[in-house]
PDB file of N, CA and C in Angstrom:
ATOM      1  N   MET A   1      96.295  81.861  85.354  1.00  0.00           N
ATOM      2  CA  MET A   1      96.730  81.387  86.416  1.00  0.00           C
ATOM      3  C   MET A   1      96.985  80.248  86.123  1.00  0.00           C
ATOM      4  N   GLY A   2      98.046  79.735  87.185  1.00  0.00           N
ATOM      5  CA  GLY A   2      98.395  78.291  86.998  1.00  0.00           C
ATOM      6  C   GLY A   2      97.612  77.727  88.568  1.00  0.00           C
ATOM      7  N   ASP A   3      98.135  76.398  88.326  1.00  0.00           N
ATOM      8  CA  ASP A   3      97.571  75.600  89.769  1.00  0.00           C
ATOM      9  C   ASP A   3      98.313  76.069  90.782  1.00  0.00           C
ATOM     10  N   LEU A   4      97.633  76.261  91.890  1.00  0.00           N
ATOM     11  CA  LEU A   4      98.544  75.963  93.097  1.00  0.00           C
ATOM     12  C   LEU A   4      97.693  75.304  93.602  1.00  0.00           C
ATOM     13  N   GLU A   5      99.001  74.769  94.556  1.00  0.00           N
ATOM     14  CA  GLU A   5      98.063  73.583  95.044  1.00  0.00           C
ATOM     15  C   GLU A   5      97.816  73.788  96.815  1.00  0.00           C
ATOM     16  N   PHE A   6      96.749  73.275  97.088  1.00  0.00           N
ATOM     17  CA  PHE A   6      96.182  73.720  98.037  1.00  0.00           C
ATOM     18  C   PHE A   6      96.770  73.087  99.592  1.00  0.00           C
ATOM     19  N   THR A   7      97.134  73.815 100.719  1.00  0.00           N
ATOM     20  CA  THR A   7      97.651  73.259 101.921  1.00  0.00           C
ATOM     21  C   THR A   7      96.965  73.680 102.861  1.00  0.00           C
ATOM     22  N   ALA A   8      96.701  73.102 104.173  1.00  0.00           N
ATOM     23  CA  ALA A   8      96.769  73.815 105.274  1.00  0.00           C
ATOM     24  C   ALA A   8      97.621  74.907 105.493  1.00  0.00           C
ATOM     25  N   SER A   9      98.890  74.813 105.018  1.00  0.00           N
ATOM     26  CA  SER A   9      99.628  76.135 105.452  1.00  0.00           C
ATOM     27  C   SER A   9      99.677  76.885 104.738  1.00  0.00           C
ATOM     28  N   LEU A  10      99.127  76.781 103.431  1.00  0.00           N
ATOM     29  CA  LEU A  10      98.483  78.298 102.891  1.00  0.00           C
ATOM     30  C   LEU A  10      97.691  78.954 104.183  1.00  0.00           C
ATOM     31  N   LEU A  11      96.610  78.102 104.772  1.00  0.00           N
ATOM     32  CA  LEU A  11      95.598  78.853 105.664  1.00  0.00           C
ATOM     33  C   LEU A  11      96.335  79.256 106.545  1.00  0.00           C
ATOM     34  N   GLU A  12      97.070  78.729 107.531  1.00  0.00           N
ATOM     35  CA  GLU A  12      98.282  79.261 108.127  1.00  0.00           C
ATOM     36  C   GLU A  12      99.155  80.799 107.981  1.00  0.00           C
ATOM     37  N   ASP A  13      99.585  80.837 107.141  1.00  0.00           N
ATOM     38  CA  ASP A  13     100.278  81.883 106.669  1.00  0.00           C
ATOM     39  C   ASP A  13      99.153  82.967 106.535  1.00  0.00           C
ATOM     40  N   GLU A  14      97.846  82.874 106.373  1.00  0.00           N
ATOM     41  CA  GLU A  14      96.727  83.790 105.678  1.00  0.00           C
ATOM     42  C   GLU A  14      96.474  84.571 107.196  1.00  0.00           C
ATOM     43  N   GLU A  15      96.287  83.249 107.794  1.00  0.00           N
ATOM     44  CA  GLU A  15      95.495  83.550 109.195  1.00  0.00           C
ATOM     45  C   GLU A  15      96.558  84.377 109.709  1.00  0.00           C
ATOM     46  N   GLU A  16      98.214  84.152 109.836  1.00  0.00           N
ATOM     47  CA  GLU A  16      99.678  84.709 109.982  1.00  0.00           C
ATOM     48  C   GLU A  16      99.298  86.376 109.850  1.00  0.00           C
ATOM     49  N   GLN A  17      99.066  86.489 108.621  1.00  0.00           N
ATOM     50  CA  GLN A  17      99.051  87.717 107.713  1.00  0.00           C
ATOM     51  C   GLN A  17      97.881  88.512 108.143  1.00  0.00           C
ATOM     52  N   ASP A  18      96.822  88.321 108.244  1.00  0.00           N
ATOM     53  CA  ASP A  18      95.391  88.625 108.832  1.00  0.00           C
ATOM     54  C   ASP A  18      95.706  89.000 110.539  1.00  0.00           C
ATOM     55  N   ALA A  19      96.591  88.538 111.183  1.00  0.00           N
ATOM     56  CA  ALA A  19      96.651  88.736 112.402  1.00  0.00           C
ATOM     57  C   ALA A  19      97.528  89.824 112.555  1.00  0.00           C
ATOM     58  N   THR A  20      98.588  89.875 111.973  1.00  0.00           N
ATOM     59  CA  THR A  20     100.128  90.847 111.617  1.00  0.00           C
ATOM     60  C   THR A  20      98.945  92.234 111.424  1.00  0.00           C
ATOM     61  N   TYR A  21      98.405  92.217 110.278  1.00  0.00           N
ATOM     62  CA  TYR A  21      97.914  92.965 109.706  1.00  0.00           C
ATOM     63  C   TYR A  21      96.370  94.097 110.745  1.00  0.00           C
ATOM     64  N   ASP A  22      96.011  92.864 111.613  1.00  0.00           N
ATOM     65  CA  ASP A  22      95.030  94.021 112.324  1.00  0.00           C
ATOM     66  C   ASP A  22      95.605  94.354 113.515  1.00  0.00           C
ATOM     67  N   ARG A  23      96.774  93.928 113.838  1.00  0.00           N
ATOM     68  CA  ARG A  23      97.485  94.423 115.032  1.00  0.00           C
ATOM     69  C   ARG A  23      97.883  96.159 114.939  1.00  0.00           C
ATOM     70  N   GLY A  24      98.382  95.829 113.913  1.00  0.00           N
ATOM     71  CA  GLY A  24      99.392  97.439 113.384  1.00  0.00           C
ATOM     72  C   GLY A  24      98.185  97.774 112.070  1.00  0.00           C
ATOM     73  N   LYS A  25      97.048  97.805 112.399  1.00  0.00           N
ATOM     74  CA  LYS A  25      95.827  98.079 111.228  1.00  0.00           C
ATOM     75  C   LYS A  25      96.494  99.923 111.392  1.00  0.00           C
ATOM     76  N   LYS A  26      97.149 100.512 109.811  1.00  0.00           N
ATOM     77  CA  LYS A  26      97.057 101.684 109.793  1.00  0.00           C
ATOM     78  C   LYS A  26      96.801 101.905 108.250  1.00  0.00           C
ATOM     79  N   ARG A  27      96.032 102.705 108.411  1.00  0.00           N
ATOM     80  CA  ARG A  27      95.227 103.303 107.178  1.00  0.00           C
ATOM     81  C   ARG A  27      95.941 104.229 106.317  1.00  0.00           C
ATOM     82  N   MET A  28      96.583 103.231 105.242  1.00  0.00           N
ATOM     83  CA  MET A  28      97.451 104.564 104.659  1.00  0.00           C
ATOM     84  C   MET A  28      96.861 104.802 103.120  1.00  0.00           C
ATOM     85  N   PHE A  29      95.232 104.495 102.742  1.00  0.00           N
ATOM     86  CA  PHE A  29      95.285 104.558 101.625  1.00  0.00           C
ATOM     87  C   PHE A  29      93.437 105.653 101.640  1.00  0.00           C
ATOM     88  N   THR A  30      93.385 105.874 103.136  1.00  0.00           N
ATOM     89  CA  THR A  30      92.131 106.650 103.060  1.00  0.00           C
ATOM     90  C   THR A  30      91.616 107.727 102.556  1.00  0.00           C
ATOM     91  N   ARG A  31      92.208 108.640 102.182  1.00  0.00           N
ATOM     92  CA  ARG A  31      92.126 109.593 101.616  1.00  0.00           C
ATOM     93  C   ARG A  31      91.770 109.505 100.016  1.00  0.00           C
ATOM     94  N   GLU A  32      92.895 108.713  99.710  1.00  0.00           N
ATOM     95  CA  GLU A  32      93.098 108.483  97.730  1.00  0.00           C
ATOM     96  C   GLU A  32      91.506 107.451  98.171  1.00  0.00           C
ATOM     97  N   ILE A  33      91.242 106.919  98.549  1.00  0.00           N
ATOM     98  CA  ILE A  33      90.066 105.676  98.628  1.00  0.00           C
ATOM     99  C   ILE A  33      88.967 106.339  98.778  1.00  0.00           C
ATOM    100  N   ARG A  34      88.581 107.416  98.953  1.00  0.00           N
ATOM    101  CA  ARG A  34      87.696 108.433  99.322  1.00  0.00           C
ATOM    102  C   ARG A  34      87.574 109.227  98.189  1.00  0.00           C
ATOM    103  N   SER A  35      88.705 109.236  97.360  1.00  0.00           N
ATOM    104  CA  SER A  35      88.521 110.393  96.315  1.00  0.00           C
ATOM    105  C   SER A  35      88.157 109.868  95.072  1.00  0.00           C
ATOM    106  N   MET A  36      89.225 107.922  94.984  1.00  0.00           N
ATOM    107  CA  MET A  36      88.400 107.020  94.008  1.00  0.00           C
ATOM    108  C   MET A  36      86.791 107.043  94.208  1.00  0.00           C
ATOM    109  N   LEU A  37      86.153 107.201  95.532  1.00  0.00           N
ATOM    110  CA  LEU A  37      84.751 106.841  95.358  1.00  0.00           C
ATOM    111  C   LEU A  37      83.849 107.751  94.774  1.00  0.00           C
ATOM    112  N   TYR A  38      84.375 108.835  95.417  1.00  0.00           N
ATOM    113  CA  TYR A  38      83.734 109.844  94.964  1.00  0.00           C
ATOM    114  C   TYR A  38      83.813 110.359  93.103  1.00  0.00           C
ATOM    115  N   ALA A  39      84.858 109.882  92.733  1.00  0.00           N
ATOM    116  CA  ALA A  39      85.163 110.309  91.451  1.00  0.00           C
ATOM    117  C   ALA A  39      84.265 108.652  90.547  1.00  0.00           C
ATOM    118  N   PHE A  40      84.588 107.600  91.231  1.00  0.00           N
ATOM    119  CA  PHE A  40      83.338 106.607  90.785  1.00  0.00           C
ATOM    120  C   PHE A  40      81.903 106.605  90.783  1.00  0.00           C
ATOM    121  N   GLY A  41      81.081 108.017  91.387  1.00  0.00           N
ATOM    122  CA  GLY A  41      80.108 108.430  91.469  1.00  0.00           C
ATOM    123  C   GLY A  41      79.743 108.267  93.065  1.00  0.00           C
ATOM    124  N   ASP A  42      79.836 108.113  94.340  1.00  0.00           N
ATOM    125  CA  ASP A  42      79.645 107.554  95.464  1.00  0.00           C
ATOM    126  C   ASP A  42      79.745 108.858  95.676  1.00  0.00           C
ATOM    127  N   ASP A  43      78.962 109.082  97.210  1.00  0.00           N
ATOM    128  CA  ASP A  43      79.028 110.662  98.056  1.00  0.00           C
ATOM    129  C   ASP A  43      80.340 111.177  97.663  1.00  0.00           C
ATOM    130  N   GLU A  44      80.203 112.615  98.220  1.00  0.00           N
ATOM    131  CA  GLU A  44      81.388 113.100  98.404  1.00  0.00           C
ATOM    132  C   GLU A  44      82.077 112.631  99.971  1.00  0.00           C
ATOM    133  N   ASN A  45      81.344 112.661 101.155  1.00  0.00           N
ATOM    134  CA  ASN A  45      81.927 112.147 101.959  1.00  0.00           C
ATOM    135  C   ASN A  45      81.267 110.587 102.100  1.00  0.00           C
ATOM    136  N   PRO A  46      82.077 109.119 101.450  1.00  0.00           N
ATOM    137  CA  PRO A  46      81.916 108.281 101.720  1.00  0.00           C
ATOM    138  C   PRO A  46      81.823 107.630 103.072  1.00  0.00           C
ATOM    139  N   LEU A  47      80.717 106.733 103.856  1.00  0.00           N
ATOM    140  CA  LEU A  47      80.731 106.050 105.262  1.00  0.00           C
ATOM    141  C   LEU A  47      82.304 105.521 105.437  1.00  0.00           C
ATOM    142  N   PRO A  48      82.566 105.965 106.294  1.00  0.00           N
ATOM    143  CA  PRO A  48      83.735 105.112 106.970  1.00  0.00           C
ATOM    144  C   PRO A  48      84.173 103.815 106.609  1.00  0.00           C
ATOM    145  N   GLU A  49      82.738 102.941 107.236  1.00  0.00           N
ATOM    146  CA  GLU A  49      83.051 101.791 106.871  1.00  0.00           C
ATOM    147  C   GLU A  49      83.360 100.963 105.450  1.00  0.00           C
ATOM    148  N   THR A  50      82.540 101.958 104.057  1.00  0.00           N
ATOM    149  CA  THR A  50      83.020 101.255 102.757  1.00  0.00           C
ATOM    150  C   THR A  50      84.308 101.906 102.946  1.00  0.00           C
ATOM    151  N   VAL A  51      85.021 102.857 103.081  1.00  0.00           N
ATOM    152  CA  VAL A  51      86.225 103.624 102.577  1.00  0.00           C
ATOM    153  C   VAL A  51      87.162 101.805 103.546  1.00  0.00           C
ATOM    154  N   SER A  52      87.188 101.841 104.623  1.00  0.00           N
ATOM    155  CA  SER A  52      87.854 100.500 105.601  1.00  0.00           C
ATOM    156  C   SER A  52      87.105  99.606 104.308  1.00  0.00           C
ATOM    157  N   LEU A  53      86.165  99.505 104.315  1.00  0.00           N
ATOM    158  CA  LEU A  53      85.822  98.005 103.385  1.00  0.00           C
ATOM    159  C   LEU A  53      87.021  97.694 102.426  1.00  0.00           C
ATOM    160  N   VAL A  54      86.709  99.077 101.537  1.00  0.00           N
ATOM    161  CA  VAL A  54      87.541  98.942 100.112  1.00  0.00           C
ATOM    162  C   VAL A  54      88.801  98.922 100.546  1.00  0.00           C
ATOM    163  N   GLU A  55      89.453  99.657 101.866  1.00  0.00           N
ATOM    164  CA  GLU A  55      91.076  99.369 101.937  1.00  0.00           C
ATOM    165  C   GLU A  55      91.153  97.715 102.646  1.00  0.00           C
ATOM    166  N   ASP A  56      90.632  97.513 103.320  1.00  0.00           N
ATOM    167  CA  ASP A  56      90.733  96.199 103.521  1.00  0.00           C
ATOM    168  C   ASP A  56      91.025  94.579 102.231  1.00  0.00           C
ATOM    169  N   ILE A  57      90.323  95.646 101.048  1.00  0.00           N
ATOM    170  CA  ILE A  57      90.379  94.655 100.105  1.00  0.00           C
ATOM    171  C   ILE A  57      91.897  94.844  99.300  1.00  0.00           C
ATOM    172  N   ALA A  58      91.825  96.093  99.021  1.00  0.00           N
ATOM    173  CA  ALA A  58      93.067  96.216  98.419  1.00  0.00           C
ATOM    174  C   ALA A  58      94.351  96.156  99.069  1.00  0.00           C
ATOM    175  N   VAL A  59      94.283  96.034  99.828  1.00  0.00           N
ATOM    176  CA  VAL A  59      95.418  95.300 101.111  1.00  0.00           C
ATOM    177  C   VAL A  59      96.471  94.186 100.766  1.00  0.00           C
ATOM    178  N   ARG A  60      94.865  93.772 101.277  1.00  0.00           N
ATOM    179  CA  ARG A  60      94.721  91.977 101.163  1.00  0.00           C
ATOM    180  C   ARG A  60      95.116  91.397  99.991  1.00  0.00           C
ATOM    181  N   HIS A  61      94.493  92.240  98.587  1.00  0.00           N
ATOM    182  CA  HIS A  61      95.340  91.921  97.640  1.00  0.00           C
ATOM    183  C   HIS A  61      96.201  92.050  97.002  1.00  0.00           C
ATOM    184  N   ILE A  62      97.124  93.219  97.698  1.00  0.00           N
ATOM    185  CA  ILE A  62      98.458  93.452  97.706  1.00  0.00           C
ATOM    186  C   ILE A  62      99.530  92.345  98.428  1.00  0.00           C
ATOM    187  N   LEU A  63      98.961  92.226  99.059  1.00  0.00           N
ATOM    188  CA  LEU A  63      99.573  90.997 100.413  1.00  0.00           C
ATOM    189  C   LEU A  63      98.984  90.137  99.424  1.00  0.00           C
ATOM    190  N   GLU A  64      98.263  89.710  98.757  1.00  0.00           N
ATOM    191  CA  GLU A  64      98.472  88.253  98.458  1.00  0.00           C
ATOM    192  C   GLU A  64      99.189  88.283  96.987  1.00  0.00           C
ATOM    193  N   MET A  65      99.035  89.105  96.236  1.00  0.00           N
ATOM    194  CA  MET A  65     100.037  88.872  94.677  1.00  0.00           C
ATOM    195  C   MET A  65     101.646  89.387  95.239  1.00  0.00           C
ATOM    196  N   ASN A  66     101.881  90.399  96.286  1.00  0.00           N
ATOM    197  CA  ASN A  66     103.560  89.798  96.560  1.00  0.00           C
ATOM    198  C   ASN A  66     103.383  88.807  97.496  1.00  0.00           C
ATOM    199  N   TYR A  67     102.837  87.624  98.042  1.00  0.00           N
ATOM    200  CA  TYR A  67     102.990  86.129  98.161  1.00  0.00           C
ATOM    201  C   TYR A  67     103.082  85.502  97.199  1.00  0.00           C
ATOM    202  N   MET A  68     102.075  85.507  96.419  1.00  0.00           N
ATOM    203  CA  MET A  68     101.975  84.887  94.898  1.00  0.00           C
ATOM    204  C   MET A  68     103.802  84.671  94.242  1.00  0.00           C
ATOM    205  N   THR A  69     104.189  86.111  93.756  1.00  0.00           N
ATOM    206  CA  THR A  69     105.339  86.422  93.265  1.00  0.00           C
ATOM    207  C   THR A  69     106.087  85.897  93.852  1.00  0.00           C
ATOM    208  N   ASP A  70     106.345  85.914  95.172  1.00  0.00           N
ATOM    209  CA  ASP A  70     107.569  85.429  96.169  1.00  0.00           C
ATOM    210  C   ASP A  70     107.890  83.827  95.913  1.00  0.00           C
ATOM    211  N   ASN A  71     106.667  83.443  95.636  1.00  0.00           N
ATOM    212  CA  ASN A  71     106.255  81.634  95.383  1.00  0.00           C
ATOM    213  C   ASN A  71     106.437  81.210  94.680  1.00  0.00           C
ATOM    214  N   LEU A  72     106.456  82.602  93.146  1.00  0.00           N
ATOM    215  CA  LEU A  72     106.837  82.167  91.800  1.00  0.00           C
ATOM    216  C   LEU A  72     108.595  82.181  92.022  1.00  0.00           C
ATOM    217  N   LYS A  73     108.925  83.419  92.532  1.00  0.00           N
ATOM    218  CA  LYS A  73     110.423  83.640  92.616  1.00  0.00           C
ATOM    219  C   LYS A  73     111.396  82.453  92.740  1.00  0.00           C
ATOM    220  N   LEU A  74     111.043  82.014  93.948  1.00  0.00           N
ATOM    221  CA  LEU A  74     111.307  80.378  94.539  1.00  0.00           C
ATOM    222  C   LEU A  74     110.997  79.320  93.705  1.00  0.00           C
ATOM    223  N   ILE A  75     110.029  79.408  92.805  1.00  0.00           N
ATOM    224  CA  ILE A  75     109.761  77.976  91.862  1.00  0.00           C
ATOM    225  C   ILE A  75     110.924  78.447  90.927  1.00  0.00           C
ATOM    226  N   SER A  76     110.951  79.355  90.652  1.00  0.00           N
ATOM    227  CA  SER A  76     111.683  79.592  89.303  1.00  0.00           C
ATOM    228  C   SER A  76     113.132  79.466  89.381  1.00  0.00           C
ATOM    229  N   ARG A  77     113.200  79.883  90.684  1.00  0.00           N
ATOM    230  CA  ARG A  77     114.732  79.708  91.018  1.00  0.00           C
ATOM    231  C   ARG A  77     115.197  78.359  91.334  1.00  0.00           C
ATOM    232  N   GLU A  78     114.304  77.504  91.897  1.00  0.00           N
ATOM    233  CA  GLU A  78     114.669  76.092  92.185  1.00  0.00           C
ATOM    234  C   GLU A  78     114.726  75.243  90.602  1.00  0.00           C
ATOM    235  N   ASN A  79     113.371  75.790  89.686  1.00  0.00           N
ATOM    236  CA  ASN A  79     113.447  75.234  87.979  1.00  0.00           C
ATOM    237  C   ASN A  79     115.372  75.984  87.564  1.00  0.00           C
ATOM    238  N   HIS A  80     115.387  76.745  87.971  1.00  0.00           N
ATOM    239  CA  HIS A  80     116.737  77.388  87.189  1.00  0.00           C
ATOM    240  C   HIS A  80     118.263  76.256  87.878  1.00  0.00           C
ATOM    241  N   LEU A  81     118.020  76.127  89.573  1.00  0.00           N
ATOM    242  CA  LEU A  81     118.750  75.507  89.954  1.00  0.00           C
ATOM    243  C   LEU A  81     118.489  73.824  89.301  1.00  0.00           C
ATOM    244  N   LYS A  82     117.824  73.786  88.909  1.00  0.00           N
ATOM    245  CA  LYS A  82     117.710  72.086  88.455  1.00  0.00           C
ATOM    246  C   LYS A  82     117.944  72.074  86.991  1.00  0.00           C
ATOM    247  N   GLY A  83     117.897  72.675  86.220  1.00  0.00           N
ATOM    248  CA  GLY A  83     118.242  72.995  84.808  1.00  0.00           C
ATOM    249  C   GLY A  83     117.154  73.134  83.917  1.00  0.00           C
ATOM    250  N   THR A  84     115.830  73.087  84.636  1.00  0.00           N
ATOM    251  CA  THR A  84     114.555  73.162  83.897  1.00  0.00           C
ATOM    252  C   THR A  84     114.022  74.283  83.304  1.00  0.00           C
ATOM    253  N   VAL A  85     113.517  74.213  82.656  1.00  0.00           N
ATOM    254  CA  VAL A  85     112.978  75.485  81.463  1.00  0.00           C
ATOM    255  C   VAL A  85     111.423  76.122  81.734  1.00  0.00           C
ATOM    256  N   GLY A  86     111.087  76.948  82.576  1.00  0.00           N
ATOM    257  CA  GLY A  86     110.082  77.901  82.762  1.00  0.00           C
ATOM    258  C   GLY A  86     109.645  77.551  84.131  1.00  0.00           C
ATOM    259  N   VAL A  87     108.568  77.990  84.107  1.00  0.00           N
ATOM    260  CA  VAL A  87     108.089  78.055  85.791  1.00  0.00           C
ATOM    261  C   VAL A  87     107.312  76.859  86.057  1.00  0.00           C
ATOM    262  N   GLY A  88     106.852  76.338  85.367  1.00  0.00           N
ATOM    263  CA  GLY A  88     106.157  75.081  86.272  1.00  0.00           C
ATOM    264  C   GLY A  88     104.745  74.995  85.920  1.00  0.00           C
ATOM    265  N   LEU A  89     104.788  76.047  86.559  1.00  0.00           N
ATOM    266  CA  LEU A  89     102.786  76.174  86.709  1.00  0.00           C
ATOM    267  C   LEU A  89     101.629  75.423  85.238  1.00  0.00           C
TER     268      LEU A  89
END
């Protein structure tokens, strides 16, 4: 990965995303995660807390990847407009 500059705005964005996710927390992958946990050797009926935690981690990872790709698109676009080559990370 490249070097990302750490700023306070990144924390604010993350807190804002967390608040938005918490307000509209809808479990989208519960069935799939339960099946995956069982396939990897967990109990047939894993604890709801475990399923919830794994889903939170997966959703957070997806959101972070989307955020990072959006930033890379912006950097790439800026570099393209400036006439430079590469992403610059």
